[in-house]
């Protein structure tokens, strides 16, 4: 399969082949590209951003996952964000949803309010 690396601005176009348990990567300019391709094949992950309600306000609080989560858990994390309501004051980095959807990753605030 063809894949474009997103680890740096170079954007290497890589060829990834999976045979048995072996993953072969070619076309990458650095080791980070190979690691990205292997990770993407075995366990693709993504950062998730969203908004959470603030009690008594119309303006929502912007949030994100602290680290990337498995792609299969994105919908569950977004649902948890949708269900959450936060009380002010909030600072950047405050944990809004601990262990979001059982991922082991916290959802944190990305703005001071």
PDB file of N, CA and C in Angstrom:
ATOM      1  N   UNK A   1       0.843  -1.171   0.000  1.00  0.00           N
ATOM      2  CA  UNK A   1       0.000   0.000   0.000  1.00  0.00           C
ATOM      3  C   UNK A   1       0.895   1.243   0.000  1.00  0.00           C
ATOM      4  N   UNK A   2       0.381   2.314  -0.514  1.00  0.00           N
ATOM      5  CA  UNK A   2       1.092   3.588  -0.522  1.00  0.00           C
ATOM      6  C   UNK A   2       0.641   4.399   0.687  1.00  0.00           C
ATOM      7  N   UNK A   3       1.585   5.167   1.240  1.00  0.00           N
ATOM      8  CA  UNK A   3       1.305   5.972   2.422  1.00  0.00           C
ATOM      9  C   UNK A   3       2.197   7.201   2.383  1.00  0.00           C
ATOM     10  N   UNK A   4       1.667   8.326   2.822  1.00  0.00           N
ATOM     11  CA  UNK A   4       2.465   9.542   2.922  1.00  0.00           C
ATOM     12  C   UNK A   4       2.757   9.803   4.390  1.00  0.00           C
ATOM     13  N   UNK A   5       4.023   9.978   4.706  1.00  0.00           N
ATOM     14  CA  UNK A   5       4.446  10.221   6.080  1.00  0.00           C
ATOM     15  C   UNK A   5       4.055  11.645   6.488  1.00  0.00           C
ATOM     16  N   UNK A   6       3.551  11.776   7.710  1.00  0.00           N
ATOM     17  CA  UNK A   6       3.145  13.097   8.211  1.00  0.00           C
ATOM     18  C   UNK A   6       4.010  13.553   9.380  1.00  0.00           C
ATOM     19  N   UNK A   7       5.161  12.907   9.590  1.00  0.00           N
ATOM     20  CA  UNK A   7       6.023  13.266  10.713  1.00  0.00           C
ATOM     21  C   UNK A   7       6.826  14.530  10.494  1.00  0.00           C
ATOM     22  N   UNK A   8       7.019  14.946   9.278  1.00  0.00           N
ATOM     23  CA  UNK A   8       7.765  16.177   9.022  1.00  0.00           C
ATOM     24  C   UNK A   8       7.245  16.797   7.719  1.00  0.00           C
ATOM     25  N   UNK A   9       7.660  17.997   7.400  1.00  0.00           N
ATOM     26  CA  UNK A   9       7.175  18.669   6.188  1.00  0.00           C
ATOM     27  C   UNK A   9       7.592  17.995   4.881  1.00  0.00           C
ATOM     28  N   UNK A  10       8.565  17.122   4.939  1.00  0.00           N
ATOM     29  CA  UNK A  10       9.045  16.461   3.723  1.00  0.00           C
ATOM     30  C   UNK A  10       7.940  15.639   3.053  1.00  0.00           C
ATOM     31  N   UNK A  11       7.118  14.938   3.828  1.00  0.00           N
ATOM     32  CA  UNK A  11       5.983  14.181   3.289  1.00  0.00           C
ATOM     33  C   UNK A  11       6.389  13.055   2.360  1.00  0.00           C
ATOM     34  N   UNK A  12       7.284  12.197   2.803  1.00  0.00           N
ATOM     35  CA  UNK A  12       7.765  11.089   1.974  1.00  0.00           C
ATOM     36  C   UNK A  12       6.608  10.179   1.555  1.00  0.00           C
ATOM     37  N   UNK A  13       6.610   9.790   0.278  1.00  0.00           N
ATOM     38  CA  UNK A  13       5.649   8.806  -0.196  1.00  0.00           C
ATOM     39  C   UNK A  13       6.289   7.439  -0.016  1.00  0.00           C
ATOM     40  N   UNK A  14       5.686   6.626   0.824  1.00  0.00           N
ATOM     41  CA  UNK A  14       6.278   5.343   1.180  1.00  0.00           C
ATOM     42  C   UNK A  14       5.442   4.196   0.640  1.00  0.00           C
ATOM     43  N   UNK A  15       6.115   3.097   0.355  1.00  0.00           N
ATOM     44  CA  UNK A  15       5.458   1.842   0.001  1.00  0.00           C
ATOM     45  C   UNK A  15       5.563   0.934   1.218  1.00  0.00           C
ATOM     46  N   UNK A  16       4.435   0.413   1.665  1.00  0.00           N
ATOM     47  CA  UNK A  16       4.401  -0.450   2.841  1.00  0.00           C
ATOM     48  C   UNK A  16       3.839  -1.801   2.414  1.00  0.00           C
ATOM     49  N   UNK A  17       4.587  -2.851   2.716  1.00  0.00           N
ATOM     50  CA  UNK A  17       4.139  -4.200   2.384  1.00  0.00           C
ATOM     51  C   UNK A  17       4.084  -5.031   3.659  1.00  0.00           C
ATOM     52  N   UNK A  18       2.989  -5.775   3.796  1.00  0.00           N
ATOM     53  CA  UNK A  18       2.807  -6.639   4.959  1.00  0.00           C
ATOM     54  C   UNK A  18       2.711  -8.078   4.475  1.00  0.00           C
ATOM     55  N   UNK A  19       3.638  -8.902   4.900  1.00  0.00           N
ATOM     56  CA  UNK A  19       3.612 -10.322   4.574  1.00  0.00           C
ATOM     57  C   UNK A  19       3.833 -11.097   5.855  1.00  0.00           C
ATOM     58  N   UNK A  20       2.836 -11.879   6.224  1.00  0.00           N
ATOM     59  CA  UNK A  20       2.917 -12.587   7.499  1.00  0.00           C
ATOM     60  C   UNK A  20       2.957 -11.583   8.627  1.00  0.00           C
ATOM     61  N   UNK A  21       3.977 -11.653   9.461  1.00  0.00           N
ATOM     62  CA  UNK A  21       4.138 -10.691  10.544  1.00  0.00           C
ATOM     63  C   UNK A  21       5.170  -9.632  10.220  1.00  0.00           C
ATOM     64  N   UNK A  22       5.708  -9.660   9.000  1.00  0.00           N
ATOM     65  CA  UNK A  22       6.755  -8.715   8.613  1.00  0.00           C
ATOM     66  C   UNK A  22       6.175  -7.508   7.886  1.00  0.00           C
ATOM     67  N   UNK A  23       6.617  -6.336   8.282  1.00  0.00           N
ATOM     68  CA  UNK A  23       6.210  -5.094   7.623  1.00  0.00           C
ATOM     69  C   UNK A  23       7.461  -4.478   7.026  1.00  0.00           C
ATOM     70  N   UNK A  24       7.430  -4.260   5.708  1.00  0.00           N
ATOM     71  CA  UNK A  24       8.563  -3.678   5.006  1.00  0.00           C
ATOM     72  C   UNK A  24       8.181  -2.297   4.507  1.00  0.00           C
ATOM     73  N   UNK A  25       9.039  -1.312   4.782  1.00  0.00           N
ATOM     74  CA  UNK A  25       8.772   0.071   4.395  1.00  0.00           C
ATOM     75  C   UNK A  25       9.896   0.544   3.476  1.00  0.00           C
ATOM     76  N   UNK A  26       9.522   1.186   2.369  1.00  0.00           N
ATOM     77  CA  UNK A  26      10.518   1.786   1.483  1.00  0.00           C
ATOM     78  C   UNK A  26      10.033   3.162   1.060  1.00  0.00           C
ATOM     79  N   UNK A  27      10.965   4.016   0.663  1.00  0.00           N
ATOM     80  CA  UNK A  27      10.622   5.366   0.230  1.00  0.00           C
ATOM     81  C   UNK A  27      10.730   6.406   1.327  1.00  0.00           C
ATOM     82  N   UNK A  28      10.996   5.975   2.554  1.00  0.00           N
ATOM     83  CA  UNK A  28      11.127   6.918   3.660  1.00  0.00           C
ATOM     84  C   UNK A  28      12.540   7.484   3.690  1.00  0.00           C
ATOM     85  N   UNK A  29      12.658   8.767   4.055  1.00  0.00           N
ATOM     86  CA  UNK A  29      13.968   9.423   4.109  1.00  0.00           C
ATOM     87  C   UNK A  29      14.612   9.315   5.489  1.00  0.00           C
ATOM     88  N   UNK A  30      13.832   8.907   6.493  1.00  0.00           N
ATOM     89  CA  UNK A  30      14.396   8.809   7.846  1.00  0.00           C
ATOM     90  C   UNK A  30      13.717   7.686   8.616  1.00  0.00           C
ATOM     91  N   UNK A  31      14.281   7.376   9.772  1.00  0.00           N
ATOM     92  CA  UNK A  31      13.751   6.297  10.611  1.00  0.00           C
ATOM     93  C   UNK A  31      12.361   6.622  11.150  1.00  0.00           C
ATOM     94  N   UNK A  32      12.060   7.911  11.322  1.00  0.00           N
ATOM     95  CA  UNK A  32      10.732   8.285  11.836  1.00  0.00           C
ATOM     96  C   UNK A  32       9.640   7.869  10.862  1.00  0.00           C
ATOM     97  N   UNK A  33       9.924   7.938   9.559  1.00  0.00           N
ATOM     98  CA  UNK A  33       8.952   7.518   8.545  1.00  0.00           C
ATOM     99  C   UNK A  33       8.647   6.040   8.639  1.00  0.00           C
ATOM    100  N   UNK A  34       9.690   5.250   8.838  1.00  0.00           N
ATOM    101  CA  UNK A  34       9.499   3.805   8.973  1.00  0.00           C
ATOM    102  C   UNK A  34       8.680   3.487  10.221  1.00  0.00           C
ATOM    103  N   UNK A  35       9.000   4.128  11.332  1.00  0.00           N
ATOM    104  CA  UNK A  35       8.254   3.910  12.572  1.00  0.00           C
ATOM    105  C   UNK A  35       6.794   4.325  12.418  1.00  0.00           C
ATOM    106  N   UNK A  36       6.558   5.460  11.747  1.00  0.00           N
ATOM    107  CA  UNK A  36       5.187   5.938  11.517  1.00  0.00           C
ATOM    108  C   UNK A  36       4.405   4.924  10.686  1.00  0.00           C
ATOM    109  N   UNK A  37       4.999   4.440   9.604  1.00  0.00           N
ATOM    110  CA  UNK A  37       4.311   3.499   8.720  1.00  0.00           C
ATOM    111  C   UNK A  37       3.961   2.209   9.456  1.00  0.00           C
ATOM    112  N   UNK A  38       4.894   1.681  10.222  1.00  0.00           N
ATOM    113  CA  UNK A  38       4.637   0.443  10.956  1.00  0.00           C
ATOM    114  C   UNK A  38       3.547   0.648  11.999  1.00  0.00           C
ATOM    115  N   UNK A  39       3.596   1.765  12.696  1.00  0.00           N
ATOM    116  CA  UNK A  39       2.577   2.072  13.693  1.00  0.00           C
ATOM    117  C   UNK A  39       1.206   2.228  13.036  1.00  0.00           C
ATOM    118  N   UNK A  40       1.171   2.862  11.893  1.00  0.00           N
ATOM    119  CA  UNK A  40      -0.084   3.114  11.181  1.00  0.00           C
ATOM    120  C   UNK A  40      -0.721   1.810  10.704  1.00  0.00           C
ATOM    121  N   UNK A  41       0.086   0.836  10.369  1.00  0.00           N
ATOM    122  CA  UNK A  41      -0.432  -0.455   9.921  1.00  0.00           C
ATOM    123  C   UNK A  41      -0.920  -1.284  11.108  1.00  0.00           C
ATOM    124  N   UNK A  42      -0.148  -1.293  12.192  1.00  0.00           N
ATOM    125  CA  UNK A  42      -0.456  -2.141  13.341  1.00  0.00           C
ATOM    126  C   UNK A  42      -1.519  -1.529  14.251  1.00  0.00           C
ATOM    127  N   UNK A  43      -1.375  -0.239  14.592  1.00  0.00           N
ATOM    128  CA  UNK A  43      -2.293   0.408  15.526  1.00  0.00           C
ATOM    129  C   UNK A  43      -2.386   1.896  15.203  1.00  0.00           C
ATOM    130  N   UNK A  44      -3.229   2.279  14.232  1.00  0.00           N
ATOM    131  CA  UNK A  44      -3.321   3.695  13.868  1.00  0.00           C
ATOM    132  C   UNK A  44      -3.916   4.524  15.008  1.00  0.00           C
ATOM    133  N   UNK A  45      -3.308   5.676  15.281  1.00  0.00           N
ATOM    134  CA  UNK A  45      -3.778   6.556  16.347  1.00  0.00           C
ATOM    135  C   UNK A  45      -3.936   7.973  15.815  1.00  0.00           C
ATOM    136  N   UNK A  46      -4.751   8.759  16.505  1.00  0.00           N
ATOM    137  CA  UNK A  46      -4.976  10.151  16.131  1.00  0.00           C
ATOM    138  C   UNK A  46      -5.182  11.003  17.375  1.00  0.00           C
ATOM    139  N   UNK A  47      -4.793  12.270  17.284  1.00  0.00           N
ATOM    140  CA  UNK A  47      -5.166  13.261  18.285  1.00  0.00           C
ATOM    141  C   UNK A  47      -6.619  13.627  18.003  1.00  0.00           C
ATOM    142  N   UNK A  48      -7.375  13.930  19.041  1.00  0.00           N
ATOM    143  CA  UNK A  48      -8.776  14.315  18.871  1.00  0.00           C
ATOM    144  C   UNK A  48      -8.984  15.666  19.539  1.00  0.00           C
ATOM    145  N   UNK A  49      -9.601  16.576  18.808  1.00  0.00           N
ATOM    146  CA  UNK A  49      -9.948  17.881  19.366  1.00  0.00           C
ATOM    147  C   UNK A  49     -11.461  18.028  19.370  1.00  0.00           C
ATOM    148  N   UNK A  50     -11.957  18.861  20.254  1.00  0.00           N
ATOM    149  CA  UNK A  50     -13.396  19.066  20.317  1.00  0.00           C
ATOM    150  C   UNK A  50     -13.747  20.210  21.238  1.00  0.00           C
ATOM    151  N   UNK A  51     -15.023  20.286  21.567  1.00  0.00           N
ATOM    152  CA  UNK A  51     -15.548  21.332  22.445  1.00  0.00           C
ATOM    153  C   UNK A  51     -16.373  20.695  23.549  1.00  0.00           C
ATOM    154  N   UNK A  52     -16.323  21.310  24.729  1.00  0.00           N
ATOM    155  CA  UNK A  52     -17.083  20.840  25.888  1.00  0.00           C
ATOM    156  C   UNK A  52     -17.916  22.008  26.405  1.00  0.00           C
ATOM    157  N   UNK A  53     -19.141  21.690  26.832  1.00  0.00           N
ATOM    158  CA  UNK A  53     -20.016  22.732  27.384  1.00  0.00           C
ATOM    159  C   UNK A  53     -19.442  23.304  28.668  1.00  0.00           C
ATOM    160  N   UNK A  54     -19.684  24.603  28.858  1.00  0.00           N
ATOM    161  CA  UNK A  54     -19.344  25.270  30.114  1.00  0.00           C
ATOM    162  C   UNK A  54     -20.669  25.589  30.804  1.00  0.00           C
ATOM    163  N   UNK A  55     -20.806  25.188  32.049  1.00  0.00           N
ATOM    164  CA  UNK A  55     -22.044  25.409  32.792  1.00  0.00           C
ATOM    165  C   UNK A  55     -22.396  26.896  32.819  1.00  0.00           C
ATOM    166  N   UNK A  56     -23.615  27.214  32.400  1.00  0.00           N
ATOM    167  CA  UNK A  56     -24.113  28.580  32.458  1.00  0.00           C
ATOM    168  C   UNK A  56     -23.615  29.498  31.358  1.00  0.00           C
ATOM    169  N   UNK A  57     -22.929  28.980  30.363  1.00  0.00           N
ATOM    170  CA  UNK A  57     -22.415  29.825  29.274  1.00  0.00           C
ATOM    171  C   UNK A  57     -22.787  29.226  27.921  1.00  0.00           C
ATOM    172  N   UNK A  58     -22.812  30.088  26.921  1.00  0.00           N
ATOM    173  CA  UNK A  58     -23.063  29.624  25.557  1.00  0.00           C
ATOM    174  C   UNK A  58     -21.770  29.239  24.862  1.00  0.00           C
ATOM    175  N   UNK A  59     -20.676  29.911  25.232  1.00  0.00           N
ATOM    176  CA  UNK A  59     -19.380  29.650  24.610  1.00  0.00           C
ATOM    177  C   UNK A  59     -18.804  28.339  25.154  1.00  0.00           C
ATOM    178  N   UNK A  60     -18.381  27.419  24.266  1.00  0.00           N
ATOM    179  CA  UNK A  60     -17.803  26.165  24.741  1.00  0.00           C
ATOM    180  C   UNK A  60     -16.305  26.284  25.024  1.00  0.00           C
ATOM    181  N   UNK A  61     -15.780  25.276  25.706  1.00  0.00           N
ATOM    182  CA  UNK A  61     -14.364  25.185  26.019  1.00  0.00           C
ATOM    183  C   UNK A  61     -13.677  24.283  24.998  1.00  0.00           C
ATOM    184  N   UNK A  62     -12.622  24.758  24.331  1.00  0.00           N
ATOM    185  CA  UNK A  62     -11.888  23.882  23.414  1.00  0.00           C
ATOM    186  C   UNK A  62     -11.026  22.892  24.206  1.00  0.00           C
ATOM    187  N   UNK A  63     -11.021  21.635  23.758  1.00  0.00           N
ATOM    188  CA  UNK A  63     -10.279  20.572  24.427  1.00  0.00           C
ATOM    189  C   UNK A  63      -9.594  19.689  23.394  1.00  0.00           C
ATOM    190  N   UNK A  64      -8.668  18.848  23.893  1.00  0.00           N
ATOM    191  CA  UNK A  64      -8.001  17.863  23.030  1.00  0.00           C
ATOM    192  C   UNK A  64      -7.565  16.687  23.882  1.00  0.00           C
ATOM    193  N   UNK A  65      -7.257  15.583  23.231  1.00  0.00           N
ATOM    194  CA  UNK A  65      -6.677  14.456  23.953  1.00  0.00           C
ATOM    195  C   UNK A  65      -5.223  14.804  24.240  1.00  0.00           C
ATOM    196  N   UNK A  66      -4.733  14.378  25.382  1.00  0.00           N
ATOM    197  CA  UNK A  66      -3.351  14.689  25.767  1.00  0.00           C
ATOM    198  C   UNK A  66      -2.356  14.035  24.810  1.00  0.00           C
ATOM    199  N   UNK A  67      -2.662  12.827  24.375  1.00  0.00           N
ATOM    200  CA  UNK A  67      -1.852  12.118  23.388  1.00  0.00           C
ATOM    201  C   UNK A  67      -2.797  11.477  22.377  1.00  0.00           C
ATOM    202  N   UNK A  68      -2.229  10.872  21.355  1.00  0.00           N
ATOM    203  CA  UNK A  68      -3.036  10.210  20.336  1.00  0.00           C
ATOM    204  C   UNK A  68      -3.736   8.987  20.933  1.00  0.00           C
ATOM    205  N   UNK A  69      -4.930   8.705  20.410  1.00  0.00           N
ATOM    206  CA  UNK A  69      -5.716   7.550  20.853  1.00  0.00           C
ATOM    207  C   UNK A  69      -5.938   6.620  19.661  1.00  0.00           C
ATOM    208  N   UNK A  70      -6.285   5.361  19.907  1.00  0.00           N
ATOM    209  CA  UNK A  70      -6.586   4.455  18.797  1.00  0.00           C
ATOM    210  C   UNK A  70      -7.761   4.985  17.969  1.00  0.00           C
ATOM    211  N   UNK A  71      -7.655   4.862  16.646  1.00  0.00           N
ATOM    212  CA  UNK A  71      -8.720   5.354  15.766  1.00  0.00           C
ATOM    213  C   UNK A  71     -10.071   4.744  16.102  1.00  0.00           C
ATOM    214  N   UNK A  72     -10.077   3.514  16.540  1.00  0.00           N
ATOM    215  CA  UNK A  72     -11.333   2.829  16.858  1.00  0.00           C
ATOM    216  C   UNK A  72     -12.063   3.473  18.037  1.00  0.00           C
ATOM    217  N   UNK A  73     -11.383   4.260  18.846  1.00  0.00           N
ATOM    218  CA  UNK A  73     -11.985   4.888  20.026  1.00  0.00           C
ATOM    219  C   UNK A  73     -12.403   6.348  19.793  1.00  0.00           C
ATOM    220  N   UNK A  74     -12.189   6.875  18.600  1.00  0.00           N
ATOM    221  CA  UNK A  74     -12.492   8.290  18.333  1.00  0.00           C
ATOM    222  C   UNK A  74     -13.950   8.614  18.620  1.00  0.00           C
ATOM    223  N   UNK A  75     -14.878   7.816  18.102  1.00  0.00           N
ATOM    224  CA  UNK A  75     -16.302   8.108  18.321  1.00  0.00           C
ATOM    225  C   UNK A  75     -16.661   8.115  19.808  1.00  0.00           C
ATOM    226  N   UNK A  76     -16.118   7.178  20.556  1.00  0.00           N
ATOM    227  CA  UNK A  76     -16.419   7.105  21.992  1.00  0.00           C
ATOM    228  C   UNK A  76     -15.872   8.324  22.730  1.00  0.00           C
ATOM    229  N   UNK A  77     -14.685   8.785  22.350  1.00  0.00           N
ATOM    230  CA  UNK A  77     -14.100   9.972  22.988  1.00  0.00           C
ATOM    231  C   UNK A  77     -14.907  11.216  22.625  1.00  0.00           C
ATOM    232  N   UNK A  78     -15.311  11.334  21.368  1.00  0.00           N
ATOM    233  CA  UNK A  78     -16.142  12.474  20.968  1.00  0.00           C
ATOM    234  C   UNK A  78     -17.479  12.471  21.707  1.00  0.00           C
ATOM    235  N   UNK A  79     -18.053  11.296  21.918  1.00  0.00           N
ATOM    236  CA  UNK A  79     -19.297  11.201  22.669  1.00  0.00           C
ATOM    237  C   UNK A  79     -19.087  11.646  24.118  1.00  0.00           C
ATOM    238  N   UNK A  80     -17.965  11.240  24.719  1.00  0.00           N
ATOM    239  CA  UNK A  80     -17.651  11.665  26.089  1.00  0.00           C
ATOM    240  C   UNK A  80     -17.504  13.186  26.157  1.00  0.00           C
ATOM    241  N   UNK A  81     -16.896  13.785  25.145  1.00  0.00           N
ATOM    242  CA  UNK A  81     -16.775  15.248  25.099  1.00  0.00           C
ATOM    243  C   UNK A  81     -18.155  15.889  25.006  1.00  0.00           C
ATOM    244  N   UNK A  82     -19.021  15.303  24.194  1.00  0.00           N
ATOM    245  CA  UNK A  82     -20.373  15.825  24.013  1.00  0.00           C
ATOM    246  C   UNK A  82     -21.175  15.768  25.319  1.00  0.00           C
ATOM    247  N   UNK A  83     -20.959  14.738  26.116  1.00  0.00           N
ATOM    248  CA  UNK A  83     -21.707  14.555  27.366  1.00  0.00           C
ATOM    249  C   UNK A  83     -21.169  15.408  28.514  1.00  0.00           C
ATOM    250  N   UNK A  84     -19.939  15.872  28.405  1.00  0.00           N
ATOM    251  CA  UNK A  84     -19.283  16.568  29.520  1.00  0.00           C
ATOM    252  C   UNK A  84     -19.739  18.020  29.649  1.00  0.00           C
ATOM    253  N   UNK A  85     -19.742  18.506  30.881  1.00  0.00           N
ATOM    254  CA  UNK A  85     -19.958  19.917  31.190  1.00  0.00           C
ATOM    255  C   UNK A  85     -18.919  20.292  32.237  1.00  0.00           C
ATOM    256  N   UNK A  86     -18.301  21.451  32.057  1.00  0.00           N
ATOM    257  CA  UNK A  86     -17.226  21.868  32.953  1.00  0.00           C
ATOM    258  C   UNK A  86     -17.639  23.127  33.713  1.00  0.00           C
ATOM    259  N   UNK A  87     -17.106  23.277  34.912  1.00  0.00           N
ATOM    260  CA  UNK A  87     -17.311  24.477  35.717  1.00  0.00           C
ATOM    261  C   UNK A  87     -16.070  25.363  35.591  1.00  0.00           C
ATOM    262  N   UNK A  88     -16.267  26.659  35.543  1.00  0.00           N
ATOM    263  CA  UNK A  88     -15.136  27.586  35.491  1.00  0.00           C
ATOM    264  C   UNK A  88     -14.626  27.845  36.897  1.00  0.00           C
ATOM    265  N   UNK A  89     -13.400  28.221  37.094  1.00  0.00           N
ATOM    266  CA  UNK A  89     -12.369  28.549  36.108  1.00  0.00           C
ATOM    267  C   UNK A  89     -11.637  27.290  35.621  1.00  0.00           C
ATOM    268  N   UNK A  90     -11.079  27.410  34.418  1.00  0.00           N
ATOM    269  CA  UNK A  90     -10.314  26.329  33.798  1.00  0.00           C
ATOM    270  C   UNK A  90      -9.042  26.928  33.238  1.00  0.00           C
ATOM    271  N   UNK A  91      -7.936  26.202  33.388  1.00  0.00           N
ATOM    272  CA  UNK A  91      -6.649  26.636  32.827  1.00  0.00           C
ATOM    273  C   UNK A  91      -6.196  25.639  31.772  1.00  0.00           C
ATOM    274  N   UNK A  92      -5.380  26.105  30.853  1.00  0.00           N
ATOM    275  CA  UNK A  92      -4.818  25.234  29.825  1.00  0.00           C
ATOM    276  C   UNK A  92      -4.132  24.052  30.505  1.00  0.00           C
ATOM    277  N   UNK A  93      -4.435  22.857  30.015  1.00  0.00           N
ATOM    278  CA  UNK A  93      -3.830  21.646  30.561  1.00  0.00           C
ATOM    279  C   UNK A  93      -4.629  20.978  31.658  1.00  0.00           C
ATOM    280  N   UNK A  94      -5.663  21.659  32.197  1.00  0.00           N
ATOM    281  CA  UNK A  94      -6.506  21.029  33.215  1.00  0.00           C
ATOM    282  C   UNK A  94      -7.194  19.804  32.616  1.00  0.00           C
ATOM    283  N   UNK A  95      -7.255  18.730  33.386  1.00  0.00           N
ATOM    284  CA  UNK A  95      -7.929  17.519  32.922  1.00  0.00           C
ATOM    285  C   UNK A  95      -9.434  17.742  32.992  1.00  0.00           C
ATOM    286  N   UNK A  96     -10.087  17.589  31.869  1.00  0.00           N
ATOM    287  CA  UNK A  96     -11.535  17.766  31.776  1.00  0.00           C
ATOM    288  C   UNK A  96     -12.237  16.419  31.848  1.00  0.00           C
ATOM    289  N   UNK A  97     -11.688  15.420  31.139  1.00  0.00           N
ATOM    290  CA  UNK A  97     -12.228  14.058  31.163  1.00  0.00           C
ATOM    291  C   UNK A  97     -11.055  13.108  31.392  1.00  0.00           C
ATOM    292  N   UNK A  98     -10.937  12.551  32.595  1.00  0.00           N
ATOM    293  CA  UNK A  98      -9.847  11.589  32.824  1.00  0.00           C
ATOM    294  C   UNK A  98     -10.147  10.258  32.124  1.00  0.00           C
ATOM    295  N   UNK A  99      -9.125   9.615  31.610  1.00  0.00           N
ATOM    296  CA  UNK A  99      -9.251   8.292  30.980  1.00  0.00           C
ATOM    297  C   UNK A  99     -10.452   8.242  30.035  1.00  0.00           C
ATOM    298  N   UNK A 100     -10.480   9.130  29.072  1.00  0.00           N
ATOM    299  CA  UNK A 100     -11.614   9.261  28.158  1.00  0.00           C
ATOM    300  C   UNK A 100     -11.925   7.946  27.446  1.00  0.00           C
ATOM    301  N   UNK A 101     -13.137   7.479  27.605  1.00  0.00           N
ATOM    302  CA  UNK A 101     -13.644   6.268  26.949  1.00  0.00           C
ATOM    303  C   UNK A 101     -12.747   5.053  27.185  1.00  0.00           C
ATOM    304  N   UNK A 102     -12.099   4.995  28.334  1.00  0.00           N
ATOM    305  CA  UNK A 102     -11.262   3.858  28.665  1.00  0.00           C
ATOM    306  C   UNK A 102      -9.978   3.751  27.864  1.00  0.00           C
ATOM    307  N   UNK A 103      -9.538   4.864  27.281  1.00  0.00           N
ATOM    308  CA  UNK A 103      -8.325   4.849  26.455  1.00  0.00           C
ATOM    309  C   UNK A 103      -7.054   4.985  27.281  1.00  0.00           C
ATOM    310  N   UNK A 104      -7.201   5.447  28.531  1.00  0.00           N
ATOM    311  CA  UNK A 104      -6.028   5.734  29.337  1.00  0.00           C
ATOM    312  C   UNK A 104      -5.461   7.112  29.052  1.00  0.00           C
ATOM    313  N   UNK A 105      -6.142   7.874  28.199  1.00  0.00           N
ATOM    314  CA  UNK A 105      -5.702   9.212  27.797  1.00  0.00           C
ATOM    315  C   UNK A 105      -6.706  10.235  28.306  1.00  0.00           C
ATOM    316  N   UNK A 106      -6.202  11.306  28.909  1.00  0.00           N
ATOM    317  CA  UNK A 106      -7.066  12.367  29.416  1.00  0.00           C
ATOM    318  C   UNK A 106      -7.406  13.359  28.313  1.00  0.00           C
ATOM    319  N   UNK A 107      -8.595  13.948  28.430  1.00  0.00           N
ATOM    320  CA  UNK A 107      -8.978  15.090  27.595  1.00  0.00           C
ATOM    321  C   UNK A 107      -8.651  16.324  28.430  1.00  0.00           C
ATOM    322  N   UNK A 108      -7.902  17.275  27.841  1.00  0.00           N
ATOM    323  CA  UNK A 108      -7.440  18.451  28.576  1.00  0.00           C
ATOM    324  C   UNK A 108      -7.920  19.741  27.897  1.00  0.00           C
ATOM    325  N   UNK A 109      -8.013  20.785  28.702  1.00  0.00           N
ATOM    326  CA  UNK A 109      -8.403  22.100  28.194  1.00  0.00           C
ATOM    327  C   UNK A 109      -7.276  22.699  27.360  1.00  0.00           C
ATOM    328  N   UNK A 110      -7.651  23.424  26.296  1.00  0.00           N
ATOM    329  CA  UNK A 110      -6.651  24.094  25.464  1.00  0.00           C
ATOM    330  C   UNK A 110      -6.807  25.610  25.508  1.00  0.00           C
ATOM    331  N   UNK A 111      -7.571  26.092  26.495  1.00  0.00           N
ATOM    332  CA  UNK A 111      -7.742  27.537  26.664  1.00  0.00           C
ATOM    333  C   UNK A 111      -7.966  27.851  28.146  1.00  0.00           C
ATOM    334  N   UNK A 112      -7.573  29.041  28.541  1.00  0.00           N
ATOM    335  CA  UNK A 112      -7.877  29.544  29.883  1.00  0.00           C
ATOM    336  C   UNK A 112      -9.239  30.221  29.839  1.00  0.00           C
ATOM    337  N   UNK A 113     -10.094  29.894  30.773  1.00  0.00           N
ATOM    338  CA  UNK A 113     -11.413  30.535  30.818  1.00  0.00           C
ATOM    339  C   UNK A 113     -11.815  30.737  32.275  1.00  0.00           C
TER     340      UNK A 113
END
